[in-house]
Amino acid sequence: MAKLEIIMRLVSKRNINHILLELKQYVTEVDVDFMRKSVSAIGRYAVKLERVVEHCIGIPLELVMTKINYVIQKSVIIIKDIFATTPT
């Protein structure tokens, strides 16, 4: 969890694409709580950094295709939150 917290603090417009790719990889982790926090972080970045909204929404949409129940559940929640909080 410490690594995820550090990554979340270091995010910037310059490195967001690399961080999003890393967070996407964390979904395959065995630790369900870690996976959920990773997907939640993707949603927070979509709201925080408007220029990456489209990329951020694409990741949870891809994750729905994994057909893993807990991944689908968290991804749908994040998609809903992104749509609810972004004007575009």
PDB file of N, CA and C in Angstrom:
ATOM      1  N   MET A   1       0.816  -1.198   0.000  1.00  0.00           N
ATOM      2  CA  MET A   1       0.000   0.000   0.000  1.00  0.00           C
ATOM      3  C   MET A   1       0.857   1.258   0.000  1.00  0.00           C
ATOM      4  N   ALA A   2       2.021   1.180   0.598  1.00  0.00           N
ATOM      5  CA  ALA A   2       2.881   2.363   0.668  1.00  0.00           C
ATOM      6  C   ALA A   2       3.274   2.820  -0.735  1.00  0.00           C
ATOM      7  N   LYS A   3       3.542   1.883  -1.618  1.00  0.00           N
ATOM      8  CA  LYS A   3       3.917   2.245  -2.985  1.00  0.00           C
ATOM      9  C   LYS A   3       2.783   2.999  -3.663  1.00  0.00           C
ATOM     10  N   LEU A   4       1.565   2.533  -3.489  1.00  0.00           N
ATOM     11  CA  LEU A   4       0.414   3.194  -4.096  1.00  0.00           C
ATOM     12  C   LEU A   4       0.233   4.608  -3.544  1.00  0.00           C
ATOM     13  N   GLU A   5       0.409   4.779  -2.268  1.00  0.00           N
ATOM     14  CA  GLU A   5       0.292   6.107  -1.658  1.00  0.00           C
ATOM     15  C   GLU A   5       1.366   7.057  -2.179  1.00  0.00           C
ATOM     16  N   ILE A   6       2.563   6.569  -2.348  1.00  0.00           N
ATOM     17  CA  ILE A   6       3.652   7.399  -2.879  1.00  0.00           C
ATOM     18  C   ILE A   6       3.350   7.795  -4.321  1.00  0.00           C
ATOM     19  N   ILE A   7       2.910   6.840  -5.110  1.00  0.00           N
ATOM     20  CA  ILE A   7       2.572   7.127  -6.505  1.00  0.00           C
ATOM     21  C   ILE A   7       1.484   8.184  -6.577  1.00  0.00           C
ATOM     22  N   MET A   8       0.484   8.076  -5.725  1.00  0.00           N
ATOM     23  CA  MET A   8      -0.623   9.027  -5.737  1.00  0.00           C
ATOM     24  C   MET A   8      -0.157  10.436  -5.393  1.00  0.00           C
ATOM     25  N   ARG A   9       0.834  10.554  -4.574  1.00  0.00           N
ATOM     26  CA  ARG A   9       1.361  11.872  -4.201  1.00  0.00           C
ATOM     27  C   ARG A   9       2.241  12.477  -5.298  1.00  0.00           C
ATOM     28  N   LEU A  10       2.840  11.643  -6.109  1.00  0.00           N
ATOM     29  CA  LEU A  10       3.789  12.118  -7.114  1.00  0.00           C
ATOM     30  C   LEU A  10       3.173  12.394  -8.480  1.00  0.00           C
ATOM     31  N   VAL A  11       1.895  12.132  -8.637  1.00  0.00           N
ATOM     32  CA  VAL A  11       1.271  12.294  -9.955  1.00  0.00           C
ATOM     33  C   VAL A  11       1.295  13.751 -10.401  1.00  0.00           C
ATOM     34  N   SER A  12       1.553  13.927 -11.703  1.00  0.00           N
ATOM     35  CA  SER A  12       1.544  15.261 -12.298  1.00  0.00           C
ATOM     36  C   SER A  12       1.076  15.124 -13.745  1.00  0.00           C
ATOM     37  N   LYS A  13       0.849  16.236 -14.389  1.00  0.00           N
ATOM     38  CA  LYS A  13       0.440  16.201 -15.792  1.00  0.00           C
ATOM     39  C   LYS A  13       1.497  15.531 -16.661  1.00  0.00           C
ATOM     40  N   ARG A  14       2.736  15.664 -16.253  1.00  0.00           N
ATOM     41  CA  ARG A  14       3.846  15.130 -17.037  1.00  0.00           C
ATOM     42  C   ARG A  14       3.969  13.607 -16.943  1.00  0.00           C
ATOM     43  N   ASN A  15       3.613  13.027 -15.809  1.00  0.00           N
ATOM     44  CA  ASN A  15       3.817  11.589 -15.637  1.00  0.00           C
ATOM     45  C   ASN A  15       2.523  10.779 -15.524  1.00  0.00           C
ATOM     46  N   ILE A  16       1.383  11.425 -15.703  1.00  0.00           N
ATOM     47  CA  ILE A  16       0.103  10.741 -15.489  1.00  0.00           C
ATOM     48  C   ILE A  16      -0.079   9.519 -16.375  1.00  0.00           C
ATOM     49  N   ASN A  17       0.342   9.573 -17.609  1.00  0.00           N
ATOM     50  CA  ASN A  17       0.152   8.415 -18.495  1.00  0.00           C
ATOM     51  C   ASN A  17       0.912   7.189 -18.006  1.00  0.00           C
ATOM     52  N   HIS A  18       2.109   7.382 -17.512  1.00  0.00           N
ATOM     53  CA  HIS A  18       2.895   6.264 -16.978  1.00  0.00           C
ATOM     54  C   HIS A  18       2.248   5.718 -15.704  1.00  0.00           C
ATOM     55  N   ILE A  19       1.757   6.610 -14.883  1.00  0.00           N
ATOM     56  CA  ILE A  19       1.120   6.184 -13.632  1.00  0.00           C
ATOM     57  C   ILE A  19      -0.169   5.420 -13.918  1.00  0.00           C
ATOM     58  N   LEU A  20      -0.947   5.885 -14.876  1.00  0.00           N
ATOM     59  CA  LEU A  20      -2.178   5.179 -15.227  1.00  0.00           C
ATOM     60  C   LEU A  20      -1.886   3.771 -15.729  1.00  0.00           C
ATOM     61  N   LEU A  21      -0.845   3.620 -16.516  1.00  0.00           N
ATOM     62  CA  LEU A  21      -0.471   2.279 -16.992  1.00  0.00           C
ATOM     63  C   LEU A  21      -0.068   1.371 -15.834  1.00  0.00           C
ATOM     64  N   GLU A  22       0.658   1.937 -14.888  1.00  0.00           N
ATOM     65  CA  GLU A  22       1.069   1.135 -13.732  1.00  0.00           C
ATOM     66  C   GLU A  22      -0.146   0.747 -12.887  1.00  0.00           C
ATOM     67  N   LEU A  23      -1.051   1.687 -12.664  1.00  0.00           N
ATOM     68  CA  LEU A  23      -2.255   1.385 -11.890  1.00  0.00           C
ATOM     69  C   LEU A  23      -3.088   0.310 -12.577  1.00  0.00           C
ATOM     70  N   LYS A  24      -3.147   0.357 -13.880  1.00  0.00           N
ATOM     71  CA  LYS A  24      -3.885  -0.652 -14.637  1.00  0.00           C
ATOM     72  C   LYS A  24      -3.291  -2.039 -14.413  1.00  0.00           C
ATOM     73  N   GLN A  25      -1.987  -2.120 -14.312  1.00  0.00           N
ATOM     74  CA  GLN A  25      -1.326  -3.404 -14.065  1.00  0.00           C
ATOM     75  C   GLN A  25      -1.629  -3.946 -12.672  1.00  0.00           C
ATOM     76  N   TYR A  26      -1.876  -3.052 -11.718  1.00  0.00           N
ATOM     77  CA  TYR A  26      -2.158  -3.479 -10.344  1.00  0.00           C
ATOM     78  C   TYR A  26      -3.474  -4.240 -10.228  1.00  0.00           C
ATOM     79  N   VAL A  27      -4.325  -4.158 -11.217  1.00  0.00           N
ATOM     80  CA  VAL A  27      -5.609  -4.854 -11.166  1.00  0.00           C
ATOM     81  C   VAL A  27      -5.419  -6.363 -11.145  1.00  0.00           C
ATOM     82  N   THR A  28      -4.309  -6.825 -11.631  1.00  0.00           N
ATOM     83  CA  THR A  28      -4.047  -8.266 -11.640  1.00  0.00           C
ATOM     84  C   THR A  28      -3.494  -8.764 -10.302  1.00  0.00           C
ATOM     85  N   GLU A  29      -3.325  -7.866  -9.354  1.00  0.00           N
ATOM     86  CA  GLU A  29      -2.803  -8.252  -8.044  1.00  0.00           C
ATOM     87  C   GLU A  29      -3.779  -9.186  -7.319  1.00  0.00           C
ATOM     88  N   VAL A  30      -3.250 -10.025  -6.478  1.00  0.00           N
ATOM     89  CA  VAL A  30      -4.059 -10.956  -5.705  1.00  0.00           C
ATOM     90  C   VAL A  30      -4.830 -10.212  -4.607  1.00  0.00           C
ATOM     91  N   ASP A  31      -4.249  -9.178  -4.079  1.00  0.00           N
ATOM     92  CA  ASP A  31      -4.852  -8.405  -2.993  1.00  0.00           C
ATOM     93  C   ASP A  31      -6.015  -7.567  -3.542  1.00  0.00           C
ATOM     94  N   VAL A  32      -7.243  -7.947  -3.203  1.00  0.00           N
ATOM     95  CA  VAL A  32      -8.432  -7.280  -3.717  1.00  0.00           C
ATOM     96  C   VAL A  32      -8.498  -5.828  -3.252  1.00  0.00           C
ATOM     97  N   ASP A  33      -8.131  -5.567  -2.022  1.00  0.00           N
ATOM     98  CA  ASP A  33      -8.162  -4.198  -1.499  1.00  0.00           C
ATOM     99  C   ASP A  33      -7.194  -3.299  -2.269  1.00  0.00           C
ATOM    100  N   PHE A  34      -6.023  -3.823  -2.573  1.00  0.00           N
ATOM    101  CA  PHE A  34      -5.036  -3.071  -3.341  1.00  0.00           C
ATOM    102  C   PHE A  34      -5.569  -2.772  -4.740  1.00  0.00           C
ATOM    103  N   MET A  35      -6.221  -3.754  -5.345  1.00  0.00           N
ATOM    104  CA  MET A  35      -6.810  -3.570  -6.667  1.00  0.00           C
ATOM    105  C   MET A  35      -7.867  -2.479  -6.622  1.00  0.00           C
ATOM    106  N   ARG A  36      -8.732  -2.518  -5.631  1.00  0.00           N
ATOM    107  CA  ARG A  36      -9.792  -1.508  -5.527  1.00  0.00           C
ATOM    108  C   ARG A  36      -9.226  -0.107  -5.360  1.00  0.00           C
ATOM    109  N   LYS A  37      -8.198   0.013  -4.549  1.00  0.00           N
ATOM    110  CA  LYS A  37      -7.583   1.325  -4.353  1.00  0.00           C
ATOM    111  C   LYS A  37      -6.915   1.821  -5.635  1.00  0.00           C
ATOM    112  N   SER A  38      -6.365   0.905  -6.404  1.00  0.00           N
ATOM    113  CA  SER A  38      -5.741   1.283  -7.670  1.00  0.00           C
ATOM    114  C   SER A  38      -6.782   1.805  -8.656  1.00  0.00           C
ATOM    115  N   VAL A  39      -7.905   1.114  -8.768  1.00  0.00           N
ATOM    116  CA  VAL A  39      -8.964   1.554  -9.672  1.00  0.00           C
ATOM    117  C   VAL A  39      -9.551   2.878  -9.189  1.00  0.00           C
ATOM    118  N   SER A  40      -9.709   3.037  -7.883  1.00  0.00           N
ATOM    119  CA  SER A  40     -10.206   4.300  -7.333  1.00  0.00           C
ATOM    120  C   SER A  40      -9.266   5.451  -7.658  1.00  0.00           C
ATOM    121  N   ALA A  41      -7.987   5.191  -7.615  1.00  0.00           N
ATOM    122  CA  ALA A  41      -6.999   6.229  -7.929  1.00  0.00           C
ATOM    123  C   ALA A  41      -7.156   6.687  -9.374  1.00  0.00           C
ATOM    124  N   ILE A  42      -7.433   5.779 -10.264  1.00  0.00           N
ATOM    125  CA  ILE A  42      -7.657   6.141 -11.670  1.00  0.00           C
ATOM    126  C   ILE A  42      -8.820   7.119 -11.770  1.00  0.00           C
ATOM    127  N   GLY A  43      -9.885   6.852 -11.050  1.00  0.00           N
ATOM    128  CA  GLY A  43     -11.037   7.749 -11.044  1.00  0.00           C
ATOM    129  C   GLY A  43     -10.713   9.108 -10.464  1.00  0.00           C
ATOM    130  N   ARG A  44      -9.932   9.141  -9.408  1.00  0.00           N
ATOM    131  CA  ARG A  44      -9.544  10.425  -8.793  1.00  0.00           C
ATOM    132  C   ARG A  44      -8.707  11.260  -9.761  1.00  0.00           C
ATOM    133  N   TYR A  45      -7.830  10.619 -10.498  1.00  0.00           N
ATOM    134  CA  TYR A  45      -7.004  11.358 -11.451  1.00  0.00           C
ATOM    135  C   TYR A  45      -7.852  11.922 -12.584  1.00  0.00           C
ATOM    136  N   ALA A  46      -8.885  11.193 -12.987  1.00  0.00           N
ATOM    137  CA  ALA A  46      -9.769  11.687 -14.043  1.00  0.00           C
ATOM    138  C   ALA A  46     -10.437  12.986 -13.622  1.00  0.00           C
ATOM    139  N   VAL A  47     -10.816  13.068 -12.371  1.00  0.00           N
ATOM    140  CA  VAL A  47     -11.466  14.273 -11.854  1.00  0.00           C
ATOM    141  C   VAL A  47     -10.438  15.380 -11.625  1.00  0.00           C
ATOM    142  N   LYS A  48      -9.283  14.995 -11.130  1.00  0.00           N
ATOM    143  CA  LYS A  48      -8.247  15.971 -10.778  1.00  0.00           C
ATOM    144  C   LYS A  48      -7.565  16.572 -12.008  1.00  0.00           C
ATOM    145  N   LEU A  49      -7.270  15.752 -12.987  1.00  0.00           N
ATOM    146  CA  LEU A  49      -6.549  16.196 -14.190  1.00  0.00           C
ATOM    147  C   LEU A  49      -7.464  16.030 -15.394  1.00  0.00           C
ATOM    148  N   GLU A  50      -8.175  17.073 -15.717  1.00  0.00           N
ATOM    149  CA  GLU A  50      -9.220  17.019 -16.736  1.00  0.00           C
ATOM    150  C   GLU A  50      -8.725  16.533 -18.102  1.00  0.00           C
ATOM    151  N   ARG A  51      -7.472  16.810 -18.429  1.00  0.00           N
ATOM    152  CA  ARG A  51      -6.990  16.436 -19.759  1.00  0.00           C
ATOM    153  C   ARG A  51      -6.840  14.931 -19.943  1.00  0.00           C
ATOM    154  N   VAL A  52      -6.903  14.156 -18.881  1.00  0.00           N
ATOM    155  CA  VAL A  52      -6.767  12.704 -19.006  1.00  0.00           C
ATOM    156  C   VAL A  52      -8.079  11.958 -18.771  1.00  0.00           C
ATOM    157  N   VAL A  53      -9.188  12.692 -18.747  1.00  0.00           N
ATOM    158  CA  VAL A  53     -10.485  12.066 -18.483  1.00  0.00           C
ATOM    159  C   VAL A  53     -10.763  10.934 -19.466  1.00  0.00           C
ATOM    160  N   GLU A  54     -10.571  11.192 -20.745  1.00  0.00           N
ATOM    161  CA  GLU A  54     -10.871  10.165 -21.745  1.00  0.00           C
ATOM    162  C   GLU A  54     -10.016   8.916 -21.548  1.00  0.00           C
ATOM    163  N   HIS A  55      -8.753   9.118 -21.245  1.00  0.00           N
ATOM    164  CA  HIS A  55      -7.870   7.969 -21.004  1.00  0.00           C
ATOM    165  C   HIS A  55      -8.287   7.252 -19.720  1.00  0.00           C
ATOM    166  N   CYS A  56      -8.622   8.022 -18.694  1.00  0.00           N
ATOM    167  CA  CYS A  56      -9.017   7.429 -17.414  1.00  0.00           C
ATOM    168  C   CYS A  56     -10.314   6.642 -17.535  1.00  0.00           C
ATOM    169  N   ILE A  57     -11.243   7.100 -18.342  1.00  0.00           N
ATOM    170  CA  ILE A  57     -12.505   6.385 -18.514  1.00  0.00           C
ATOM    171  C   ILE A  57     -12.285   5.118 -19.331  1.00  0.00           C
ATOM    172  N   GLY A  58     -11.309   5.144 -20.211  1.00  0.00           N
ATOM    173  CA  GLY A  58     -11.025   3.973 -21.032  1.00  0.00           C
ATOM    174  C   GLY A  58     -10.489   2.802 -20.229  1.00  0.00           C
ATOM    175  N   ILE A  59      -9.736   3.083 -19.208  1.00  0.00           N
ATOM    176  CA  ILE A  59      -9.148   2.000 -18.405  1.00  0.00           C
ATOM    177  C   ILE A  59     -10.227   1.192 -17.686  1.00  0.00           C
ATOM    178  N   PRO A  60     -11.148   1.836 -16.918  1.00  0.00           N
ATOM    179  CA  PRO A  60     -12.203   1.026 -16.297  1.00  0.00           C
ATOM    180  C   PRO A  60     -13.087   0.310 -17.322  1.00  0.00           C
ATOM    181  N   LEU A  61     -13.297   0.919 -18.484  1.00  0.00           N
ATOM    182  CA  LEU A  61     -14.071   0.234 -19.525  1.00  0.00           C
ATOM    183  C   LEU A  61     -13.359  -1.041 -19.972  1.00  0.00           C
ATOM    184  N   GLU A  62     -12.044  -0.980 -20.102  1.00  0.00           N
ATOM    185  CA  GLU A  62     -11.266  -2.180 -20.437  1.00  0.00           C
ATOM    186  C   GLU A  62     -11.340  -3.214 -19.316  1.00  0.00           C
ATOM    187  N   LEU A  63     -11.313  -2.732 -18.087  1.00  0.00           N
ATOM    188  CA  LEU A  63     -11.316  -3.636 -16.938  1.00  0.00           C
ATOM    189  C   LEU A  63     -12.626  -4.406 -16.808  1.00  0.00           C
ATOM    190  N   VAL A  64     -13.715  -3.810 -17.289  1.00  0.00           N
ATOM    191  CA  VAL A  64     -15.002  -4.510 -17.272  1.00  0.00           C
ATOM    192  C   VAL A  64     -14.906  -5.796 -18.094  1.00  0.00           C
ATOM    193  N   MET A  65     -14.084  -5.772 -19.120  1.00  0.00           N
ATOM    194  CA  MET A  65     -13.930  -6.940 -19.995  1.00  0.00           C
ATOM    195  C   MET A  65     -13.173  -8.089 -19.334  1.00  0.00           C
ATOM    196  N   THR A  66     -12.576  -7.859 -18.171  1.00  0.00           N
ATOM    197  CA  THR A  66     -11.841  -8.932 -17.494  1.00  0.00           C
ATOM    198  C   THR A  66     -12.757 -10.041 -17.003  1.00  0.00           C
ATOM    199  N   LYS A  67     -14.027  -9.706 -16.828  1.00  0.00           N
ATOM    200  CA  LYS A  67     -15.036 -10.657 -16.338  1.00  0.00           C
ATOM    201  C   LYS A  67     -14.737 -11.157 -14.932  1.00  0.00           C
ATOM    202  N   ILE A  68     -13.980 -10.379 -14.176  1.00  0.00           N
ATOM    203  CA  ILE A  68     -13.721 -10.679 -12.771  1.00  0.00           C
ATOM    204  C   ILE A  68     -14.682  -9.808 -11.969  1.00  0.00           C
ATOM    205  N   ASN A  69     -15.565 -10.437 -11.206  1.00  0.00           N
ATOM    206  CA  ASN A  69     -16.661  -9.718 -10.562  1.00  0.00           C
ATOM    207  C   ASN A  69     -16.242  -8.480  -9.791  1.00  0.00           C
ATOM    208  N   TYR A  70     -15.277  -8.599  -8.889  1.00  0.00           N
ATOM    209  CA  TYR A  70     -14.910  -7.446  -8.068  1.00  0.00           C
ATOM    210  C   TYR A  70     -14.249  -6.343  -8.891  1.00  0.00           C
ATOM    211  N   VAL A  71     -13.586  -6.713  -9.980  1.00  0.00           N
ATOM    212  CA  VAL A  71     -12.992  -5.716 -10.877  1.00  0.00           C
ATOM    213  C   VAL A  71     -14.102  -4.980 -11.624  1.00  0.00           C
ATOM    214  N   ILE A  72     -15.086  -5.716 -12.092  1.00  0.00           N
ATOM    215  CA  ILE A  72     -16.211  -5.107 -12.796  1.00  0.00           C
ATOM    216  C   ILE A  72     -16.966  -4.160 -11.872  1.00  0.00           C
ATOM    217  N   GLN A  73     -17.244  -4.607 -10.649  1.00  0.00           N
ATOM    218  CA  GLN A  73     -17.992  -3.780  -9.704  1.00  0.00           C
ATOM    219  C   GLN A  73     -17.296  -2.451  -9.444  1.00  0.00           C
ATOM    220  N   LYS A  74     -16.036  -2.498  -9.142  1.00  0.00           N
ATOM    221  CA  LYS A  74     -15.296  -1.265  -8.843  1.00  0.00           C
ATOM    222  C   LYS A  74     -15.166  -0.393 -10.086  1.00  0.00           C
ATOM    223  N   SER A  75     -14.965  -0.995 -11.227  1.00  0.00           N
ATOM    224  CA  SER A  75     -14.827  -0.237 -12.466  1.00  0.00           C
ATOM    225  C   SER A  75     -16.115   0.513 -12.803  1.00  0.00           C
ATOM    226  N   VAL A  76     -17.255  -0.134 -12.635  1.00  0.00           N
ATOM    227  CA  VAL A  76     -18.536   0.512 -12.918  1.00  0.00           C
ATOM    228  C   VAL A  76     -18.765   1.689 -11.970  1.00  0.00           C
ATOM    229  N   ILE A  77     -18.414   1.528 -10.720  1.00  0.00           N
ATOM    230  CA  ILE A  77     -18.544   2.625  -9.753  1.00  0.00           C
ATOM    231  C   ILE A  77     -17.674   3.803 -10.164  1.00  0.00           C
ATOM    232  N   ILE A  78     -16.458   3.527 -10.574  1.00  0.00           N
ATOM    233  CA  ILE A  78     -15.534   4.589 -10.984  1.00  0.00           C
ATOM    234  C   ILE A  78     -16.050   5.294 -12.243  1.00  0.00           C
ATOM    235  N   ILE A  79     -16.552   4.538 -13.196  1.00  0.00           N
ATOM    236  CA  ILE A  79     -17.101   5.142 -14.414  1.00  0.00           C
ATOM    237  C   ILE A  79     -18.254   6.073 -14.050  1.00  0.00           C
ATOM    238  N   LYS A  80     -19.142   5.615 -13.180  1.00  0.00           N
ATOM    239  CA  LYS A  80     -20.272   6.442 -12.747  1.00  0.00           C
ATOM    240  C   LYS A  80     -19.783   7.712 -12.065  1.00  0.00           C
ATOM    241  N   ASP A  81     -18.793   7.583 -11.205  1.00  0.00           N
ATOM    242  CA  ASP A  81     -18.251   8.751 -10.499  1.00  0.00           C
ATOM    243  C   ASP A  81     -17.598   9.753 -11.455  1.00  0.00           C
ATOM    244  N   ILE A  82     -16.891   9.244 -12.453  1.00  0.00           N
ATOM    245  CA  ILE A  82     -16.258  10.125 -13.433  1.00  0.00           C
ATOM    246  C   ILE A  82     -17.322  10.903 -14.201  1.00  0.00           C
ATOM    247  N   PHE A  83     -18.356  10.217 -14.646  1.00  0.00           N
ATOM    248  CA  PHE A  83     -19.421  10.887 -15.392  1.00  0.00           C
ATOM    249  C   PHE A  83     -20.164  11.889 -14.507  1.00  0.00           C
ATOM    250  N   ALA A  84     -20.310  11.576 -13.249  1.00  0.00           N
ATOM    251  CA  ALA A  84     -21.049  12.465 -12.339  1.00  0.00           C
ATOM    252  C   ALA A  84     -20.272  13.741 -12.002  1.00  0.00           C
ATOM    253  N   THR A  85     -18.953  13.676 -12.046  1.00  0.00           N
ATOM    254  CA  THR A  85     -18.158  14.813 -11.583  1.00  0.00           C
ATOM    255  C   THR A  85     -17.472  15.606 -12.680  1.00  0.00           C
ATOM    256  N   THR A  86     -17.505  15.114 -13.906  1.00  0.00           N
ATOM    257  CA  THR A  86     -16.865  15.858 -14.994  1.00  0.00           C
ATOM    258  C   THR A  86     -17.920  16.421 -15.930  1.00  0.00           C
ATOM    259  N   PRO A  87     -17.774  17.674 -16.317  1.00  0.00           N
ATOM    260  CA  PRO A  87     -18.782  18.308 -17.158  1.00  0.00           C
ATOM    261  C   PRO A  87     -18.798  17.836 -18.604  1.00  0.00           C
ATOM    262  N   THR A  88     -17.681  17.292 -19.099  1.00  0.00           N
ATOM    263  CA  THR A  88     -17.613  16.894 -20.514  1.00  0.00           C
ATOM    264  C   THR A  88     -17.915  15.443 -20.713  1.00  0.00           C
TER     265      THR A  88
END
